[in-house]
């Protein structure tokens, strides 16, 4: 769960909306530090052949489906998401660089 300004955001809800848009093969949503709100929503997407410019319409589409605080502030395109040998998504690996120097670890 991601806590944005005291509001709960469930990553699966955001991931469901992004996957329904099409053009995204795989997605992971995490919370990253935000100085004012505590956390903000960041999405990682596997979308072959897409560019960063393609992510702006996806964010706008999320805003049409979800409350604004639940929408990703940005979507980072990655070639693949980290998974263990059993295929489980390793969100901790995605979170680690953002929380490394923070007192509070999520």
C-alpha atoms as a PDB file:
ATOM      1  CA  UNK A   1       0.000   0.000   0.000  1.00  0.00           C
ATOM      2  CA  UNK A   2       1.144   3.536  -0.784  1.00  0.00           C
ATOM      3  CA  UNK A   3       0.267   6.386   1.576  1.00  0.00           C
ATOM      4  CA  UNK A   4      -0.233   9.686  -0.278  1.00  0.00           C
ATOM      5  CA  UNK A   5      -1.111  12.578   2.005  1.00  0.00           C
ATOM      6  CA  UNK A   6      -2.881  10.241   4.423  1.00  0.00           C
ATOM      7  CA  UNK A   7      -4.849   8.498   1.661  1.00  0.00           C
ATOM      8  CA  UNK A   8      -4.383   4.819   0.827  1.00  0.00           C
ATOM      9  CA  UNK A   9      -3.428   3.882  -2.716  1.00  0.00           C
ATOM     10  CA  UNK A  10      -3.469   0.223  -3.655  1.00  0.00           C
ATOM     11  CA  UNK A  11      -0.869  -0.434  -6.373  1.00  0.00           C
ATOM     12  CA  UNK A  12      -2.956  -3.221  -7.918  1.00  0.00           C
ATOM     13  CA  UNK A  13      -5.782  -0.756  -8.648  1.00  0.00           C
ATOM     14  CA  UNK A  14      -3.425   1.548 -10.570  1.00  0.00           C
ATOM     15  CA  UNK A  15      -1.761  -1.403 -12.323  1.00  0.00           C
ATOM     16  CA  UNK A  16      -5.172  -2.682 -13.463  1.00  0.00           C
ATOM     17  CA  UNK A  17      -6.015   0.672 -15.065  1.00  0.00           C
ATOM     18  CA  UNK A  18      -2.651   0.915 -16.827  1.00  0.00           C
ATOM     19  CA  UNK A  19      -2.807  -2.634 -18.195  1.00  0.00           C
ATOM     20  CA  UNK A  20      -6.318  -2.024 -19.543  1.00  0.00           C
ATOM     21  CA  UNK A  21      -5.052   0.905 -21.644  1.00  0.00           C
ATOM     22  CA  UNK A  22      -3.169  -1.328 -24.050  1.00  0.00           C
ATOM     23  CA  UNK A  23       0.378  -1.009 -25.279  1.00  0.00           C
ATOM     24  CA  UNK A  24       1.764  -2.061 -21.893  1.00  0.00           C
ATOM     25  CA  UNK A  25       2.933  -5.654 -21.518  1.00  0.00           C
ATOM     26  CA  UNK A  26       3.756  -5.537 -17.800  1.00  0.00           C
ATOM     27  CA  UNK A  27       3.531  -2.912 -15.064  1.00  0.00           C
ATOM     28  CA  UNK A  28       4.523  -2.362 -11.442  1.00  0.00           C
ATOM     29  CA  UNK A  29       3.420   0.516  -9.218  1.00  0.00           C
ATOM     30  CA  UNK A  30       5.356   1.611  -6.133  1.00  0.00           C
ATOM     31  CA  UNK A  31       5.453   4.519  -3.704  1.00  0.00           C
ATOM     32  CA  UNK A  32       8.485   6.791  -3.692  1.00  0.00           C
ATOM     33  CA  UNK A  33       9.361   9.557  -1.207  1.00  0.00           C
ATOM     34  CA  UNK A  34       7.658  12.930  -1.533  1.00  0.00           C
ATOM     35  CA  UNK A  35       8.601  15.834   0.735  1.00  0.00           C
ATOM     36  CA  UNK A  36       5.049  17.124   1.194  1.00  0.00           C
ATOM     37  CA  UNK A  37       2.747  14.118   0.725  1.00  0.00           C
ATOM     38  CA  UNK A  38       4.929  11.411   2.254  1.00  0.00           C
ATOM     39  CA  UNK A  39       4.831   9.242  -0.855  1.00  0.00           C
ATOM     40  CA  UNK A  40       3.933   9.632  -4.506  1.00  0.00           C
ATOM     41  CA  UNK A  41       2.921   7.016  -7.046  1.00  0.00           C
ATOM     42  CA  UNK A  42       5.471   5.855  -9.621  1.00  0.00           C
ATOM     43  CA  UNK A  43       4.798   3.250 -12.300  1.00  0.00           C
ATOM     44  CA  UNK A  44       7.278   1.100 -14.187  1.00  0.00           C
ATOM     45  CA  UNK A  45       6.033  -0.202 -17.520  1.00  0.00           C
ATOM     46  CA  UNK A  46       7.311  -2.731 -20.014  1.00  0.00           C
ATOM     47  CA  UNK A  47       6.128  -1.328 -23.332  1.00  0.00           C
ATOM     48  CA  UNK A  48       8.344  -2.361 -26.259  1.00  0.00           C
ATOM     49  CA  UNK A  49       8.636   0.229 -29.000  1.00  0.00           C
ATOM     50  CA  UNK A  50       7.256   3.031 -26.824  1.00  0.00           C
ATOM     51  CA  UNK A  51       9.003   6.243 -25.776  1.00  0.00           C
ATOM     52  CA  UNK A  52       8.708   8.503 -22.741  1.00  0.00           C
ATOM     53  CA  UNK A  53       6.395  10.742 -24.790  1.00  0.00           C
ATOM     54  CA  UNK A  54       3.948   7.829 -25.011  1.00  0.00           C
ATOM     55  CA  UNK A  55       3.550   7.816 -21.224  1.00  0.00           C
ATOM     56  CA  UNK A  56       1.795  11.193 -20.977  1.00  0.00           C
ATOM     57  CA  UNK A  57      -1.499   9.924 -22.487  1.00  0.00           C
ATOM     58  CA  UNK A  58      -1.388   6.976 -20.077  1.00  0.00           C
ATOM     59  CA  UNK A  59      -1.133   9.344 -17.108  1.00  0.00           C
ATOM     60  CA  UNK A  60      -4.044  11.403 -18.480  1.00  0.00           C
ATOM     61  CA  UNK A  61      -6.080   8.205 -18.905  1.00  0.00           C
ATOM     62  CA  UNK A  62      -5.362   7.277 -15.280  1.00  0.00           C
ATOM     63  CA  UNK A  63      -6.666  10.683 -14.194  1.00  0.00           C
ATOM     64  CA  UNK A  64      -9.934   9.939 -16.014  1.00  0.00           C
ATOM     65  CA  UNK A  65     -10.310   6.606 -14.174  1.00  0.00           C
ATOM     66  CA  UNK A  66      -8.814   7.261 -10.722  1.00  0.00           C
ATOM     67  CA  UNK A  67      -8.678   9.959  -8.091  1.00  0.00           C
ATOM     68  CA  UNK A  68      -5.813  12.363  -8.819  1.00  0.00           C
ATOM     69  CA  UNK A  69      -3.769  11.286  -5.769  1.00  0.00           C
ATOM     70  CA  UNK A  70      -3.836   7.674  -7.032  1.00  0.00           C
ATOM     71  CA  UNK A  71      -2.383   8.510 -10.444  1.00  0.00           C
ATOM     72  CA  UNK A  72       1.300   8.011 -11.175  1.00  0.00           C
ATOM     73  CA  UNK A  73       3.311  11.222 -11.243  1.00  0.00           C
ATOM     74  CA  UNK A  74       5.385   9.578 -13.958  1.00  0.00           C
ATOM     75  CA  UNK A  75       5.807   6.270 -15.745  1.00  0.00           C
ATOM     76  CA  UNK A  76       9.297   4.908 -16.297  1.00  0.00           C
ATOM     77  CA  UNK A  77       9.754   2.583 -19.243  1.00  0.00           C
ATOM     78  CA  UNK A  78      11.921  -0.451 -18.500  1.00  0.00           C
ATOM     79  CA  UNK A  79      12.909  -3.431 -20.653  1.00  0.00           C
ATOM     80  CA  UNK A  80      11.743  -5.865 -17.958  1.00  0.00           C
ATOM     81  CA  UNK A  81      10.602  -5.942 -14.354  1.00  0.00           C
ATOM     82  CA  UNK A  82      12.713  -7.716 -11.719  1.00  0.00           C
ATOM     83  CA  UNK A  83      11.342 -11.127 -10.778  1.00  0.00           C
ATOM     84  CA  UNK A  84      12.596 -14.000  -8.678  1.00  0.00           C
ATOM     85  CA  UNK A  85      13.055 -17.564  -9.968  1.00  0.00           C
ATOM     86  CA  UNK A  86       9.381 -18.320  -9.290  1.00  0.00           C
ATOM     87  CA  UNK A  87       8.280 -15.291 -11.330  1.00  0.00           C
ATOM     88  CA  UNK A  88       7.227 -13.150  -8.345  1.00  0.00           C
ATOM     89  CA  UNK A  89       7.639  -9.418  -8.938  1.00  0.00           C
ATOM     90  CA  UNK A  90      10.375  -7.917  -6.742  1.00  0.00           C
ATOM     91  CA  UNK A  91       8.968  -4.493  -5.894  1.00  0.00           C
ATOM     92  CA  UNK A  92      11.529  -4.115  -3.110  1.00  0.00           C
ATOM     93  CA  UNK A  93      14.212  -4.018  -5.824  1.00  0.00           C
ATOM     94  CA  UNK A  94      12.324  -1.223  -7.599  1.00  0.00           C
ATOM     95  CA  UNK A  95      11.838   0.751  -4.352  1.00  0.00           C
ATOM     96  CA  UNK A  96      15.384   0.445  -3.001  1.00  0.00           C
ATOM     97  CA  UNK A  97      17.110   3.233  -5.014  1.00  0.00           C
ATOM     98  CA  UNK A  98      14.435   5.769  -4.041  1.00  0.00           C
ATOM     99  CA  UNK A  99      14.418   4.971  -0.310  1.00  0.00           C
ATOM    100  CA  UNK A 100      18.156   4.285   0.152  1.00  0.00           C
ATOM    101  CA  UNK A 101      19.048   7.584   1.890  1.00  0.00           C
ATOM    102  CA  UNK A 102      15.785   8.091   3.738  1.00  0.00           C
ATOM    103  CA  UNK A 103      15.286   7.660   7.486  1.00  0.00           C
ATOM    104  CA  UNK A 104      11.931   5.993   6.991  1.00  0.00           C
ATOM    105  CA  UNK A 105      12.090   2.847   4.900  1.00  0.00           C
ATOM    106  CA  UNK A 106       9.003   1.431   3.239  1.00  0.00           C
END
